[in-house]
């Protein structure tokens, strides 16, 4: 599942690393992209949203909103 989180309190690359590491502690296989300027974190993870939000909160940041989308396959069926 792809999850977009809006996170307050990130102001530098250390913050980016802290948020990324917090998420990966809960899901080592998570794909994490952080847009520092927009305060946005996009995560591809199998973990529930609440677990990811809790990890970010424990790292000292605040999740203000979330958007989720189901993973869709781009594979085509055999013909």
Protein backbone atom coordinates (compact mmCIF):
# COMPACT_ATOMS: atom_id res chain seq x y z
CA UNK A 1 0.00 0.00 0.00
CA UNK A 2 1.20 3.50 -0.76
CA UNK A 3 0.74 6.01 2.04
CA UNK A 4 1.29 9.76 1.80
CA UNK A 5 1.84 11.44 5.15
CA UNK A 6 2.10 15.14 5.80
CA UNK A 7 4.63 15.58 8.59
CA UNK A 8 5.34 18.70 10.65
CA UNK A 9 8.65 19.47 12.30
CA UNK A 10 11.09 18.35 9.59
CA UNK A 11 13.59 21.09 8.82
CA UNK A 12 16.84 19.45 7.70
CA UNK A 13 18.46 16.32 6.29
CA UNK A 14 18.86 14.96 9.82
CA UNK A 15 15.07 15.11 10.14
CA UNK A 16 14.69 13.27 6.83
CA UNK A 17 17.03 10.53 8.07
CA UNK A 18 15.27 10.31 11.44
CA UNK A 19 11.83 9.87 9.84
CA UNK A 20 13.15 7.39 7.26
CA UNK A 21 14.92 5.33 9.93
CA UNK A 22 11.86 5.36 12.21
CA UNK A 23 9.71 3.95 9.40
CA UNK A 24 12.29 1.35 8.43
CA UNK A 25 12.56 0.15 12.04
CA UNK A 26 8.93 -0.99 11.67
CA UNK A 27 9.27 -2.22 8.07
CA UNK A 28 12.81 -2.82 6.83
CA UNK A 29 11.54 -3.31 3.27
CA UNK A 30 9.60 -0.02 3.18
CA UNK A 31 10.29 2.35 0.31
CA UNK A 32 10.43 5.88 1.74
CA UNK A 33 10.56 9.17 -0.16
CA UNK A 34 10.70 12.43 1.79
CA UNK A 35 9.97 15.85 0.28
CA UNK A 36 11.41 18.14 2.94
CA UNK A 37 10.13 21.38 1.39
CA UNK A 38 6.55 20.08 1.17
CA UNK A 39 6.66 18.26 4.51
CA UNK A 40 5.52 15.11 2.73
CA UNK A 41 6.57 11.50 3.21
CA UNK A 42 5.47 8.83 0.73
CA UNK A 43 5.81 5.28 2.00
CA UNK A 44 5.31 1.97 0.22
CA UNK A 45 4.73 -0.46 3.09
CA UNK A 46 2.69 -3.41 4.27
CA UNK A 47 2.49 -1.95 7.79
CA UNK A 48 -0.75 -0.34 8.99
CA UNK A 49 -0.93 3.44 8.83
CA UNK A 50 -1.24 3.70 12.60
CA UNK A 51 2.07 1.85 13.10
CA UNK A 52 3.85 4.21 10.71
CA UNK A 53 2.29 7.28 12.33
CA UNK A 54 3.33 6.01 15.76
CA UNK A 55 6.91 5.47 14.55
CA UNK A 56 7.08 9.02 13.20
CA UNK A 57 5.57 10.38 16.42
CA UNK A 58 8.12 8.45 18.51
CA UNK A 59 10.86 10.07 16.41
CA UNK A 60 9.55 13.49 17.49
CA UNK A 61 7.52 14.57 14.45
CA UNK A 62 3.78 15.10 13.94
CA UNK A 63 1.71 13.51 11.18
CA UNK A 64 -1.02 16.01 10.28
CA UNK A 65 -2.79 14.08 7.51
CA UNK A 66 -2.60 10.87 5.51
CA UNK A 67 -3.71 9.64 2.10
CA UNK A 68 -3.60 5.98 1.11
CA UNK A 69 -3.92 4.16 -2.16
CA UNK A 70 -4.00 0.46 -2.85
CA UNK A 71 -1.15 -1.07 -4.79
CA UNK A 72 -2.17 -1.78 -8.34
CA UNK A 73 -0.40 -4.18 -10.61
CA UNK A 74 0.87 -2.98 -13.95
CA UNK A 75 1.39 -6.55 -15.17
CA UNK A 76 -0.72 -7.64 -18.07
CA UNK A 77 -2.47 -10.97 -18.37
CA UNK A 78 -1.09 -13.45 -20.89
CA UNK A 79 -2.82 -13.41 -24.24
